Amino acid sequence: MAENQKNLCAMIPAELHSRVRAAQEQAGLTLSAYITELLTNYYEGGAEKMEKGMRTMAFQMPDAMFTRLKRHLERESERTGKKVSQKEFVLGLIQRALDEAEREGAAGHGADLG
């Protein structure tokens, strides 16, 4: 165990355990890192500290799509030799879509309205 760290073990209801593990997996963190984050947020007043200029976006998706996403991220991580996170993947998709929409919007502004 790392220096300056202690083990914390507690019995919790099975349903809560399932929810925590699902959220931990979705966050892409080890259980230790996820629980540390939860407890730190709780003891710091329950509010996550955000980097300046950052916002949180959260959404749910069907199980089948989530499974496909996880498999894709695993394949990409193997292909590139670098762990591809959900955050990195989703931000990349959003950035490409916004860039494309802005290019199309800019091209449309030059069209003749007459």
PDB file of N, CA and C in Angstrom:
ATOM      1  N   MET A   1       0.845  -1.174   0.000  1.00  0.00           N
ATOM      2  CA  MET A   1       0.000   0.000   0.000  1.00  0.00           C
ATOM      3  C   MET A   1       0.894   1.242   0.000  1.00  0.00           C
ATOM      4  N   ALA A   2       0.459   2.266  -0.677  1.00  0.00           N
ATOM      5  CA  ALA A   2       1.242   3.482  -0.788  1.00  0.00           C
ATOM      6  C   ALA A   2       1.409   4.145   0.572  1.00  0.00           C
ATOM      7  N   GLU A   3       2.510   4.874   0.720  1.00  0.00           N
ATOM      8  CA  GLU A   3       2.771   5.604   1.949  1.00  0.00           C
ATOM      9  C   GLU A   3       1.675   6.641   2.169  1.00  0.00           C
ATOM     10  N   ASN A   4       1.332   6.888   3.426  1.00  0.00           N
ATOM     11  CA  ASN A   4       0.300   7.861   3.793  1.00  0.00           C
ATOM     12  C   ASN A   4      -1.090   7.479   3.305  1.00  0.00           C
ATOM     13  N   GLN A   5      -1.345   6.202   3.139  1.00  0.00           N
ATOM     14  CA  GLN A   5      -2.678   5.746   2.752  1.00  0.00           C
ATOM     15  C   GLN A   5      -3.128   4.668   3.727  1.00  0.00           C
ATOM     16  N   LYS A   6      -4.425   4.574   3.921  1.00  0.00           N
ATOM     17  CA  LYS A   6      -5.029   3.587   4.806  1.00  0.00           C
ATOM     18  C   LYS A   6      -6.129   2.864   4.060  1.00  0.00           C
ATOM     19  N   ASN A   7      -6.368   1.624   4.425  1.00  0.00           N
ATOM     20  CA  ASN A   7      -7.436   0.826   3.841  1.00  0.00           C
ATOM     21  C   ASN A   7      -8.744   1.153   4.553  1.00  0.00           C
ATOM     22  N   LEU A   8      -9.835   1.215   3.792  1.00  0.00           N
ATOM     23  CA  LEU A   8     -11.164   1.461   4.358  1.00  0.00           C
ATOM     24  C   LEU A   8     -12.071   0.363   3.824  1.00  0.00           C
ATOM     25  N   CYS A   9     -12.683  -0.391   4.719  1.00  0.00           N
ATOM     26  CA  CYS A   9     -13.557  -1.489   4.316  1.00  0.00           C
ATOM     27  C   CYS A   9     -14.886  -1.335   5.037  1.00  0.00           C
ATOM     28  N   ALA A  10     -15.985  -1.490   4.278  1.00  0.00           N
ATOM     29  CA  ALA A  10     -17.301  -1.338   4.897  1.00  0.00           C
ATOM     30  C   ALA A  10     -18.310  -2.193   4.150  1.00  0.00           C
ATOM     31  N   MET A  11     -19.228  -2.791   4.874  1.00  0.00           N
ATOM     32  CA  MET A  11     -20.322  -3.539   4.267  1.00  0.00           C
ATOM     33  C   MET A  11     -21.393  -2.534   3.848  1.00  0.00           C
ATOM     34  N   ILE A  12     -21.866  -2.658   2.600  1.00  0.00           N
ATOM     35  CA  ILE A  12     -22.928  -1.785   2.103  1.00  0.00           C
ATOM     36  C   ILE A  12     -23.964  -2.659   1.399  1.00  0.00           C
ATOM     37  N   PRO A  13     -25.188  -2.162   1.232  1.00  0.00           N
ATOM     38  CA  PRO A  13     -26.215  -2.960   0.542  1.00  0.00           C
ATOM     39  C   PRO A  13     -25.772  -3.337  -0.873  1.00  0.00           C
ATOM     40  N   ALA A  14     -26.166  -4.523  -1.318  1.00  0.00           N
ATOM     41  CA  ALA A  14     -25.761  -5.042  -2.634  1.00  0.00           C
ATOM     42  C   ALA A  14     -26.170  -4.108  -3.770  1.00  0.00           C
ATOM     43  N   GLU A  15     -27.371  -3.534  -3.685  1.00  0.00           N
ATOM     44  CA  GLU A  15     -27.840  -2.620  -4.734  1.00  0.00           C
ATOM     45  C   GLU A  15     -26.946  -1.384  -4.819  1.00  0.00           C
ATOM     46  N   LEU A  16     -26.576  -0.834  -3.667  1.00  0.00           N
ATOM     47  CA  LEU A  16     -25.698   0.330  -3.651  1.00  0.00           C
ATOM     48  C   LEU A  16     -24.328  -0.040  -4.204  1.00  0.00           C
ATOM     49  N   HIS A  17     -23.838  -1.209  -3.844  1.00  0.00           N
ATOM     50  CA  HIS A  17     -22.552  -1.695  -4.360  1.00  0.00           C
ATOM     51  C   HIS A  17     -22.582  -1.761  -5.882  1.00  0.00           C
ATOM     52  N   SER A  18     -23.666  -2.287  -6.448  1.00  0.00           N
ATOM     53  CA  SER A  18     -23.798  -2.381  -7.908  1.00  0.00           C
ATOM     54  C   SER A  18     -23.786  -0.999  -8.548  1.00  0.00           C
ATOM     55  N   ARG A  19     -24.496  -0.065  -7.934  1.00  0.00           N
ATOM     56  CA  ARG A  19     -24.542   1.301  -8.485  1.00  0.00           C
ATOM     57  C   ARG A  19     -23.176   1.964  -8.432  1.00  0.00           C
ATOM     58  N   VAL A  20     -22.477   1.783  -7.311  1.00  0.00           N
ATOM     59  CA  VAL A  20     -21.145   2.380  -7.162  1.00  0.00           C
ATOM     60  C   VAL A  20     -20.188   1.791  -8.193  1.00  0.00           C
ATOM     61  N   ARG A  21     -20.203   0.471  -8.344  1.00  0.00           N
ATOM     62  CA  ARG A  21     -19.279  -0.163  -9.294  1.00  0.00           C
ATOM     63  C   ARG A  21     -19.584   0.238 -10.729  1.00  0.00           C
ATOM     64  N   ALA A  22     -20.856   0.371 -11.078  1.00  0.00           N
ATOM     65  CA  ALA A  22     -21.227   0.801 -12.429  1.00  0.00           C
ATOM     66  C   ALA A  22     -20.741   2.226 -12.682  1.00  0.00           C
ATOM     67  N   ALA A  23     -20.946   3.106 -11.715  1.00  0.00           N
ATOM     68  CA  ALA A  23     -20.504   4.499 -11.860  1.00  0.00           C
ATOM     69  C   ALA A  23     -18.983   4.582 -11.908  1.00  0.00           C
ATOM     70  N   GLN A  24     -18.324   3.760 -11.112  1.00  0.00           N
ATOM     71  CA  GLN A  24     -16.860   3.728 -11.094  1.00  0.00           C
ATOM     72  C   GLN A  24     -16.323   3.281 -12.448  1.00  0.00           C
ATOM     73  N   GLU A  25     -16.937   2.247 -13.024  1.00  0.00           N
ATOM     74  CA  GLU A  25     -16.518   1.764 -14.340  1.00  0.00           C
ATOM     75  C   GLU A  25     -16.751   2.832 -15.402  1.00  0.00           C
ATOM     76  N   GLN A  26     -17.903   3.471 -15.327  1.00  0.00           N
ATOM     77  CA  GLN A  26     -18.227   4.522 -16.299  1.00  0.00           C
ATOM     78  C   GLN A  26     -17.245   5.682 -16.190  1.00  0.00           C
ATOM     79  N   ALA A  27     -16.801   5.987 -14.982  1.00  0.00           N
ATOM     80  CA  ALA A  27     -15.842   7.075 -14.777  1.00  0.00           C
ATOM     81  C   ALA A  27     -14.454   6.700 -15.277  1.00  0.00           C
ATOM     82  N   GLY A  28     -14.222   5.405 -15.480  1.00  0.00           N
ATOM     83  CA  GLY A  28     -12.918   4.967 -15.961  1.00  0.00           C
ATOM     84  C   GLY A  28     -11.826   5.072 -14.904  1.00  0.00           C
ATOM     85  N   LEU A  29     -12.217   4.971 -13.627  1.00  0.00           N
ATOM     86  CA  LEU A  29     -11.269   5.079 -12.524  1.00  0.00           C
ATOM     87  C   LEU A  29     -11.150   3.752 -11.804  1.00  0.00           C
ATOM     88  N   THR A  30     -10.040   3.563 -11.112  1.00  0.00           N
ATOM     89  CA  THR A  30      -9.931   2.408 -10.229  1.00  0.00           C
ATOM     90  C   THR A  30     -10.911   2.624  -9.082  1.00  0.00           C
ATOM     91  N   LEU A  31     -11.275   1.556  -8.398  1.00  0.00           N
ATOM     92  CA  LEU A  31     -12.194   1.693  -7.274  1.00  0.00           C
ATOM     93  C   LEU A  31     -11.601   2.625  -6.221  1.00  0.00           C
ATOM     94  N   SER A  32     -10.322   2.486  -5.948  1.00  0.00           N
ATOM     95  CA  SER A  32      -9.665   3.332  -4.963  1.00  0.00           C
ATOM     96  C   SER A  32      -9.757   4.808  -5.353  1.00  0.00           C
ATOM     97  N   ALA A  33      -9.472   5.125  -6.607  1.00  0.00           N
ATOM     98  CA  ALA A  33      -9.522   6.520  -7.066  1.00  0.00           C
ATOM     99  C   ALA A  33     -10.955   7.048  -7.037  1.00  0.00           C
ATOM    100  N   TYR A  34     -11.915   6.204  -7.421  1.00  0.00           N
ATOM    101  CA  TYR A  34     -13.313   6.634  -7.452  1.00  0.00           C
ATOM    102  C   TYR A  34     -13.828   6.935  -6.046  1.00  0.00           C
ATOM    103  N   ILE A  35     -13.580   6.041  -5.097  1.00  0.00           N
ATOM    104  CA  ILE A  35     -14.049   6.246  -3.723  1.00  0.00           C
ATOM    105  C   ILE A  35     -13.338   7.449  -3.099  1.00  0.00           C
ATOM    106  N   THR A  36     -12.052   7.609  -3.386  1.00  0.00           N
ATOM    107  CA  THR A  36     -11.324   8.775  -2.891  1.00  0.00           C
ATOM    108  C   THR A  36     -11.964  10.052  -3.401  1.00  0.00           C
ATOM    109  N   GLU A  37     -12.324  10.073  -4.690  1.00  0.00           N
ATOM    110  CA  GLU A  37     -12.975  11.248  -5.280  1.00  0.00           C
ATOM    111  C   GLU A  37     -14.329  11.513  -4.621  1.00  0.00           C
ATOM    112  N   LEU A  38     -15.131  10.462  -4.445  1.00  0.00           N
ATOM    113  CA  LEU A  38     -16.439  10.630  -3.800  1.00  0.00           C
ATOM    114  C   LEU A  38     -16.305  11.191  -2.387  1.00  0.00           C
ATOM    115  N   LEU A  39     -15.418  10.606  -1.607  1.00  0.00           N
ATOM    116  CA  LEU A  39     -15.263  11.044  -0.223  1.00  0.00           C
ATOM    117  C   LEU A  39     -14.678  12.449  -0.142  1.00  0.00           C
ATOM    118  N   THR A  40     -13.733  12.757  -0.995  1.00  0.00           N
ATOM    119  CA  THR A  40     -13.149  14.104  -1.016  1.00  0.00           C
ATOM    120  C   THR A  40     -14.220  15.128  -1.356  1.00  0.00           C
ATOM    121  N   ASN A  41     -15.031  14.829  -2.377  1.00  0.00           N
ATOM    122  CA  ASN A  41     -16.114  15.749  -2.749  1.00  0.00           C
ATOM    123  C   ASN A  41     -17.099  15.934  -1.602  1.00  0.00           C
ATOM    124  N   TYR A  42     -17.435  14.849  -0.927  1.00  0.00           N
ATOM    125  CA  TYR A  42     -18.380  14.920   0.190  1.00  0.00           C
ATOM    126  C   TYR A  42     -17.834  15.800   1.314  1.00  0.00           C
ATOM    127  N   TYR A  43     -16.592  15.552   1.698  1.00  0.00           N
ATOM    128  CA  TYR A  43     -16.027  16.279   2.823  1.00  0.00           C
ATOM    129  C   TYR A  43     -15.615  17.702   2.476  1.00  0.00           C
ATOM    130  N   GLU A  44     -15.600  18.035   1.208  1.00  0.00           N
ATOM    131  CA  GLU A  44     -15.312  19.420   0.806  1.00  0.00           C
ATOM    132  C   GLU A  44     -16.611  20.156   0.498  1.00  0.00           C
ATOM    133  N   GLY A  45     -17.705  19.712   1.098  1.00  0.00           N
ATOM    134  CA  GLY A  45     -18.973  20.410   0.959  1.00  0.00           C
ATOM    135  C   GLY A  45     -19.867  19.842  -0.121  1.00  0.00           C
ATOM    136  N   GLY A  46     -19.497  18.731  -0.722  1.00  0.00           N
ATOM    137  CA  GLY A  46     -20.349  18.083  -1.706  1.00  0.00           C
ATOM    138  C   GLY A  46     -20.263  18.667  -3.093  1.00  0.00           C
ATOM    139  N   ALA A  47     -19.458  19.670  -3.293  1.00  0.00           N
ATOM    140  CA  ALA A  47     -19.345  20.272  -4.629  1.00  0.00           C
ATOM    141  C   ALA A  47     -17.989  19.902  -5.222  1.00  0.00           C
ATOM    142  N   GLU A  48     -18.036  19.413  -6.453  1.00  0.00           N
ATOM    143  CA  GLU A  48     -16.781  19.102  -7.131  1.00  0.00           C
ATOM    144  C   GLU A  48     -16.082  20.398  -7.484  1.00  0.00           C
ATOM    145  N   LYS A  49     -14.784  20.380  -7.364  1.00  0.00           N
ATOM    146  CA  LYS A  49     -14.008  21.551  -7.760  1.00  0.00           C
ATOM    147  C   LYS A  49     -13.753  21.444  -9.258  1.00  0.00           C
ATOM    148  N   MET A  50     -14.227  22.437  -9.974  1.00  0.00           N
ATOM    149  CA  MET A  50     -14.089  22.443 -11.422  1.00  0.00           C
ATOM    150  C   MET A  50     -12.948  23.366 -11.813  1.00  0.00           C
ATOM    151  N   GLU A  51     -12.270  22.979 -12.884  1.00  0.00           N
ATOM    152  CA  GLU A  51     -11.270  23.874 -13.431  1.00  0.00           C
ATOM    153  C   GLU A  51     -12.000  25.094 -13.979  1.00  0.00           C
ATOM    154  N   LYS A  52     -11.342  26.225 -13.926  1.00  0.00           N
ATOM    155  CA  LYS A  52     -11.959  27.456 -14.415  1.00  0.00           C
ATOM    156  C   LYS A  52     -12.343  27.295 -15.882  1.00  0.00           C
ATOM    157  N   GLY A  53     -13.558  27.687 -16.196  1.00  0.00           N
ATOM    158  CA  GLY A  53     -14.024  27.613 -17.576  1.00  0.00           C
ATOM    159  C   GLY A  53     -14.513  26.234 -17.998  1.00  0.00           C
ATOM    160  N   MET A  54     -14.647  25.304 -17.061  1.00  0.00           N
ATOM    161  CA  MET A  54     -15.101  23.949 -17.395  1.00  0.00           C
ATOM    162  C   MET A  54     -16.528  23.757 -16.894  1.00  0.00           C
ATOM    163  N   ARG A  55     -17.291  22.921 -17.586  1.00  0.00           N
ATOM    164  CA  ARG A  55     -18.665  22.576 -17.206  1.00  0.00           C
ATOM    165  C   ARG A  55     -18.807  21.062 -17.276  1.00  0.00           C
ATOM    166  N   THR A  56     -19.763  20.521 -16.528  1.00  0.00           N
ATOM    167  CA  THR A  56     -20.018  19.083 -16.521  1.00  0.00           C
ATOM    168  C   THR A  56     -21.213  18.768 -17.406  1.00  0.00           C
ATOM    169  N   MET A  57     -21.080  17.704 -18.191  1.00  0.00           N
ATOM    170  CA  MET A  57     -22.182  17.198 -18.997  1.00  0.00           C
ATOM    171  C   MET A  57     -22.342  15.720 -18.638  1.00  0.00           C
ATOM    172  N   ALA A  58     -23.537  15.330 -18.262  1.00  0.00           N
ATOM    173  CA  ALA A  58     -23.788  13.933 -17.912  1.00  0.00           C
ATOM    174  C   ALA A  58     -25.046  13.471 -18.615  1.00  0.00           C
ATOM    175  N   PHE A  59     -25.047  12.228 -19.053  1.00  0.00           N
ATOM    176  CA  PHE A  59     -26.218  11.678 -19.723  1.00  0.00           C
ATOM    177  C   PHE A  59     -26.219  10.171 -19.574  1.00  0.00           C
ATOM    178  N   GLN A  60     -27.392   9.586 -19.786  1.00  0.00           N
ATOM    179  CA  GLN A  60     -27.519   8.135 -19.745  1.00  0.00           C
ATOM    180  C   GLN A  60     -27.635   7.623 -21.163  1.00  0.00           C
ATOM    181  N   MET A  61     -27.270   6.351 -21.339  1.00  0.00           N
ATOM    182  CA  MET A  61     -27.397   5.710 -22.648  1.00  0.00           C
ATOM    183  C   MET A  61     -27.829   4.266 -22.445  1.00  0.00           C
ATOM    184  N   PRO A  62     -28.400   3.646 -23.472  1.00  0.00           N
ATOM    185  CA  PRO A  62     -28.816   2.253 -23.354  1.00  0.00           C
ATOM    186  C   PRO A  62     -27.621   1.345 -23.041  1.00  0.00           C
ATOM    187  N   ASP A  63     -27.878   0.284 -22.281  1.00  0.00           N
ATOM    188  CA  ASP A  63     -26.823  -0.670 -21.918  1.00  0.00           C
ATOM    189  C   ASP A  63     -26.076  -1.186 -23.139  1.00  0.00           C
ATOM    190  N   ALA A  64     -26.809  -1.538 -24.190  1.00  0.00           N
ATOM    191  CA  ALA A  64     -26.174  -2.110 -25.382  1.00  0.00           C
ATOM    192  C   ALA A  64     -25.201  -1.118 -26.003  1.00  0.00           C
ATOM    193  N   MET A  65     -25.579   0.150 -26.054  1.00  0.00           N
ATOM    194  CA  MET A  65     -24.689   1.160 -26.622  1.00  0.00           C
ATOM    195  C   MET A  65     -23.467   1.356 -25.733  1.00  0.00           C
ATOM    196  N   PHE A  66     -23.685   1.344 -24.410  1.00  0.00           N
ATOM    197  CA  PHE A  66     -22.575   1.500 -23.472  1.00  0.00           C
ATOM    198  C   PHE A  66     -21.575   0.351 -23.641  1.00  0.00           C
ATOM    199  N   THR A  67     -22.087  -0.862 -23.804  1.00  0.00           N
ATOM    200  CA  THR A  67     -21.217  -2.023 -24.007  1.00  0.00           C
ATOM    201  C   THR A  67     -20.421  -1.871 -25.295  1.00  0.00           C
ATOM    202  N   ARG A  68     -21.085  -1.430 -26.363  1.00  0.00           N
ATOM    203  CA  ARG A  68     -20.382  -1.198 -27.636  1.00  0.00           C
ATOM    204  C   ARG A  68     -19.288  -0.148 -27.466  1.00  0.00           C
ATOM    205  N   LEU A  69     -19.603   0.921 -26.741  1.00  0.00           N
ATOM    206  CA  LEU A  69     -18.628   1.982 -26.501  1.00  0.00           C
ATOM    207  C   LEU A  69     -17.424   1.442 -25.748  1.00  0.00           C
ATOM    208  N   LYS A  70     -17.655   0.689 -24.678  1.00  0.00           N
ATOM    209  CA  LYS A  70     -16.547   0.126 -23.897  1.00  0.00           C
ATOM    210  C   LYS A  70     -15.668  -0.776 -24.760  1.00  0.00           C
ATOM    211  N   ARG A  71     -16.286  -1.606 -25.598  1.00  0.00           N
ATOM    212  CA  ARG A  71     -15.513  -2.482 -26.488  1.00  0.00           C
ATOM    213  C   ARG A  71     -14.684  -1.664 -27.470  1.00  0.00           C
ATOM    214  N   HIS A  72     -15.292  -0.613 -28.013  1.00  0.00           N
ATOM    215  CA  HIS A  72     -14.574   0.247 -28.952  1.00  0.00           C
ATOM    216  C   HIS A  72     -13.367   0.899 -28.271  1.00  0.00           C
ATOM    217  N   LEU A  73     -13.578   1.409 -27.060  1.00  0.00           N
ATOM    218  CA  LEU A  73     -12.481   2.052 -26.338  1.00  0.00           C
ATOM    219  C   LEU A  73     -11.364   1.060 -26.035  1.00  0.00           C
ATOM    220  N   GLU A  74     -11.724  -0.175 -25.707  1.00  0.00           N
ATOM    221  CA  GLU A  74     -10.715  -1.212 -25.470  1.00  0.00           C
ATOM    222  C   GLU A  74      -9.921  -1.490 -26.746  1.00  0.00           C
ATOM    223  N   ARG A  75     -10.630  -1.618 -27.885  1.00  0.00           N
ATOM    224  CA  ARG A  75      -9.941  -1.863 -29.167  1.00  0.00           C
ATOM    225  C   ARG A  75      -9.025  -0.706 -29.527  1.00  0.00           C
ATOM    226  N   GLU A  76      -9.514   0.523 -29.345  1.00  0.00           N
ATOM    227  CA  GLU A  76      -8.700   1.702 -29.661  1.00  0.00           C
ATOM    228  C   GLU A  76      -7.482   1.790 -28.746  1.00  0.00           C
ATOM    229  N   SER A  77      -7.665   1.438 -27.486  1.00  0.00           N
ATOM    230  CA  SER A  77      -6.547   1.454 -26.546  1.00  0.00           C
ATOM    231  C   SER A  77      -5.493   0.435 -26.970  1.00  0.00           C
ATOM    232  N   GLU A  78      -5.925  -0.750 -27.376  1.00  0.00           N
ATOM    233  CA  GLU A  78      -4.992  -1.769 -27.851  1.00  0.00           C
ATOM    234  C   GLU A  78      -4.308  -1.325 -29.141  1.00  0.00           C
ATOM    235  N   ARG A  79      -5.094  -0.746 -30.064  1.00  0.00           N
ATOM    236  CA  ARG A  79      -4.556  -0.328 -31.363  1.00  0.00           C
ATOM    237  C   ARG A  79      -3.516   0.777 -31.212  1.00  0.00           C
ATOM    238  N   THR A  80      -3.800   1.747 -30.341  1.00  0.00           N
ATOM    239  CA  THR A  80      -2.909   2.898 -30.194  1.00  0.00           C
ATOM    240  C   THR A  80      -1.826   2.688 -29.140  1.00  0.00           C
ATOM    241  N   GLY A  81      -2.021   1.688 -28.277  1.00  0.00           N
ATOM    242  CA  GLY A  81      -1.065   1.470 -27.200  1.00  0.00           C
ATOM    243  C   GLY A  81      -1.195   2.496 -26.081  1.00  0.00           C
ATOM    244  N   LYS A  82      -2.303   3.230 -26.075  1.00  0.00           N
ATOM    245  CA  LYS A  82      -2.566   4.279 -25.077  1.00  0.00           C
ATOM    246  C   LYS A  82      -4.027   4.174 -24.675  1.00  0.00           C
ATOM    247  N   LYS A  83      -4.297   4.256 -23.367  1.00  0.00           N
ATOM    248  CA  LYS A  83      -5.685   4.152 -22.905  1.00  0.00           C
ATOM    249  C   LYS A  83      -6.504   5.305 -23.454  1.00  0.00           C
ATOM    250  N   VAL A  84      -7.577   4.966 -24.148  1.00  0.00           N
ATOM    251  CA  VAL A  84      -8.503   5.970 -24.666  1.00  0.00           C
ATOM    252  C   VAL A  84      -9.674   6.038 -23.691  1.00  0.00           C
ATOM    253  N   SER A  85      -9.858   7.196 -23.068  1.00  0.00           N
ATOM    254  CA  SER A  85     -10.912   7.347 -22.062  1.00  0.00           C
ATOM    255  C   SER A  85     -12.237   7.706 -22.714  1.00  0.00           C
ATOM    256  N   GLN A  86     -13.317   7.460 -21.976  1.00  0.00           N
ATOM    257  CA  GLN A  86     -14.644   7.864 -22.443  1.00  0.00           C
ATOM    258  C   GLN A  86     -14.681   9.366 -22.664  1.00  0.00           C
ATOM    259  N   LYS A  87     -14.122  10.107 -21.729  1.00  0.00           N
ATOM    260  CA  LYS A  87     -14.115  11.563 -21.828  1.00  0.00           C
ATOM    261  C   LYS A  87     -13.409  12.009 -23.106  1.00  0.00           C
ATOM    262  N   GLU A  88     -12.226  11.485 -23.332  1.00  0.00           N
ATOM    263  CA  GLU A  88     -11.449  11.840 -24.517  1.00  0.00           C
ATOM    264  C   GLU A  88     -12.224  11.513 -25.797  1.00  0.00           C
ATOM    265  N   PHE A  89     -12.846  10.348 -25.826  1.00  0.00           N
ATOM    266  CA  PHE A  89     -13.601   9.910 -27.000  1.00  0.00           C
ATOM    267  C   PHE A  89     -14.800  10.819 -27.259  1.00  0.00           C
ATOM    268  N   VAL A  90     -15.610  11.066 -26.228  1.00  0.00           N
ATOM    269  CA  VAL A  90     -16.822  11.876 -26.392  1.00  0.00           C
ATOM    270  C   VAL A  90     -16.461  13.321 -26.740  1.00  0.00           C
ATOM    271  N   LEU A  91     -15.449  13.894 -26.073  1.00  0.00           N
ATOM    272  CA  LEU A  91     -15.043  15.259 -26.407  1.00  0.00           C
ATOM    273  C   LEU A  91     -14.560  15.354 -27.850  1.00  0.00           C
ATOM    274  N   GLY A  92     -13.863  14.319 -28.330  1.00  0.00           N
ATOM    275  CA  GLY A  92     -13.421  14.298 -29.727  1.00  0.00           C
ATOM    276  C   GLY A  92     -14.597  14.285 -30.690  1.00  0.00           C
ATOM    277  N   LEU A  93     -15.613  13.473 -30.382  1.00  0.00           N
ATOM    278  CA  LEU A  93     -16.806  13.425 -31.237  1.00  0.00           C
ATOM    279  C   LEU A  93     -17.510  14.779 -31.271  1.00  0.00           C
ATOM    280  N   ILE A  94     -17.664  15.389 -30.112  1.00  0.00           N
ATOM    281  CA  ILE A  94     -18.342  16.683 -30.041  1.00  0.00           C
ATOM    282  C   ILE A  94     -17.548  17.744 -30.798  1.00  0.00           C
ATOM    283  N   GLN A  95     -16.231  17.751 -30.603  1.00  0.00           N
ATOM    284  CA  GLN A  95     -15.393  18.742 -31.282  1.00  0.00           C
ATOM    285  C   GLN A  95     -15.506  18.609 -32.797  1.00  0.00           C
ATOM    286  N   ARG A  96     -15.447  17.378 -33.309  1.00  0.00           N
ATOM    287  CA  ARG A  96     -15.560  17.160 -34.765  1.00  0.00           C
ATOM    288  C   ARG A  96     -16.929  17.607 -35.282  1.00  0.00           C
ATOM    289  N   ALA A  97     -17.992  17.284 -34.556  1.00  0.00           N
ATOM    290  CA  ALA A  97     -19.342  17.669 -34.988  1.00  0.00           C
ATOM    291  C   ALA A  97     -19.502  19.188 -34.996  1.00  0.00           C
ATOM    292  N   LEU A  98     -18.991  19.848 -33.959  1.00  0.00           N
ATOM    293  CA  LEU A  98     -19.089  21.309 -33.917  1.00  0.00           C
ATOM    294  C   LEU A  98     -18.262  21.965 -35.014  1.00  0.00           C
ATOM    295  N   ASP A  99     -17.052  21.454 -35.241  1.00  0.00           N
ATOM    296  CA  ASP A  99     -16.207  21.997 -36.315  1.00  0.00           C
ATOM    297  C   ASP A  99     -16.909  21.866 -37.661  1.00  0.00           C
ATOM    298  N   GLU A 100     -17.498  20.693 -37.916  1.00  0.00           N
ATOM    299  CA  GLU A 100     -18.198  20.452 -39.173  1.00  0.00           C
ATOM    300  C   GLU A 100     -19.408  21.378 -39.314  1.00  0.00           C
ATOM    301  N   ALA A 101     -20.181  21.522 -38.247  1.00  0.00           N
ATOM    302  CA  ALA A 101     -21.360  22.390 -38.289  1.00  0.00           C
ATOM    303  C   ALA A 101     -20.956  23.842 -38.536  1.00  0.00           C
ATOM    304  N   GLU A 102     -19.865  24.273 -37.922  1.00  0.00           N
ATOM    305  CA  GLU A 102     -19.403  25.650 -38.118  1.00  0.00           C
ATOM    306  C   GLU A 102     -18.892  25.865 -39.535  1.00  0.00           C
ATOM    307  N   ARG A 103     -18.198  24.858 -40.098  1.00  0.00           N
ATOM    308  CA  ARG A 103     -17.741  24.960 -41.500  1.00  0.00           C
ATOM    309  C   ARG A 103     -18.937  25.057 -42.434  1.00  0.00           C
ATOM    310  N   GLU A 104     -19.937  24.215 -42.205  1.00  0.00           N
ATOM    311  CA  GLU A 104     -21.144  24.241 -43.046  1.00  0.00           C
ATOM    312  C   GLU A 104     -21.892  25.560 -42.882  1.00  0.00           C
ATOM    313  N   GLY A 105     -21.949  26.074 -41.654  1.00  0.00           N
ATOM    314  CA  GLY A 105     -22.609  27.349 -41.402  1.00  0.00           C
ATOM    315  C   GLY A 105     -21.890  28.496 -42.093  1.00  0.00           C
ATOM    316  N   ALA A 106     -20.559  28.477 -42.043  1.00  0.00           N
ATOM    317  CA  ALA A 106     -19.786  29.522 -42.686  1.00  0.00           C
ATOM    318  C   ALA A 106     -19.955  29.467 -44.202  1.00  0.00           C
ATOM    319  N   ALA A 107     -20.019  28.255 -44.750  1.00  0.00           N
ATOM    320  CA  ALA A 107     -20.206  28.099 -46.203  1.00  0.00           C
ATOM    321  C   ALA A 107     -21.584  28.580 -46.617  1.00  0.00           C
ATOM    322  N   GLY A 108     -22.579  28.369 -45.750  1.00  0.00           N
ATOM    323  CA  GLY A 108     -23.944  28.790 -46.043  1.00  0.00           C
ATOM    324  C   GLY A 108     -24.132  30.292 -46.025  1.00  0.00           C
ATOM    325  N   HIS A 109     -23.296  30.996 -45.258  1.00  0.00           N
ATOM    326  CA  HIS A 109     -23.421  32.452 -45.182  1.00  0.00           C
ATOM    327  C   HIS A 109     -23.033  33.122 -46.489  1.00  0.00           C
ATOM    328  N   GLY A 110     -22.235  32.436 -47.303  1.00  0.00           N
ATOM    329  CA  GLY A 110     -21.812  33.012 -48.579  1.00  0.00           C
ATOM    330  C   GLY A 110     -22.806  32.776 -49.686  1.00  0.00           C
ATOM    331  N   ALA A 111     -23.876  32.010 -49.403  1.00  0.00           N
ATOM    332  CA  ALA A 111     -24.861  31.685 -50.444  1.00  0.00           C
ATOM    333  C   ALA A 111     -25.679  32.912 -50.813  1.00  0.00           C
ATOM    334  N   ASP A 112     -26.109  32.954 -52.074  1.00  0.00           N
ATOM    335  CA  ASP A 112     -26.929  34.064 -52.582  1.00  0.00           C
ATOM    336  C   ASP A 112     -28.350  33.893 -52.070  1.00  0.00           C
ATOM    337  N   LEU A 113     -28.870  34.889 -51.395  1.00  0.00           N
ATOM    338  CA  LEU A 113     -30.220  34.836 -50.859  1.00  0.00           C
ATOM    339  C   LEU A 113     -31.237  35.402 -51.827  1.00  0.00           C
ATOM    340  N   GLY A 114     -30.802  35.952 -52.917  1.00  0.00           N
ATOM    341  CA  GLY A 114     -31.684  36.623 -53.838  1.00  0.00           C
ATOM    342  C   GLY A 114     -32.401  35.717 -54.721  1.00  0.00           C
TER     343      GLY A 114
END
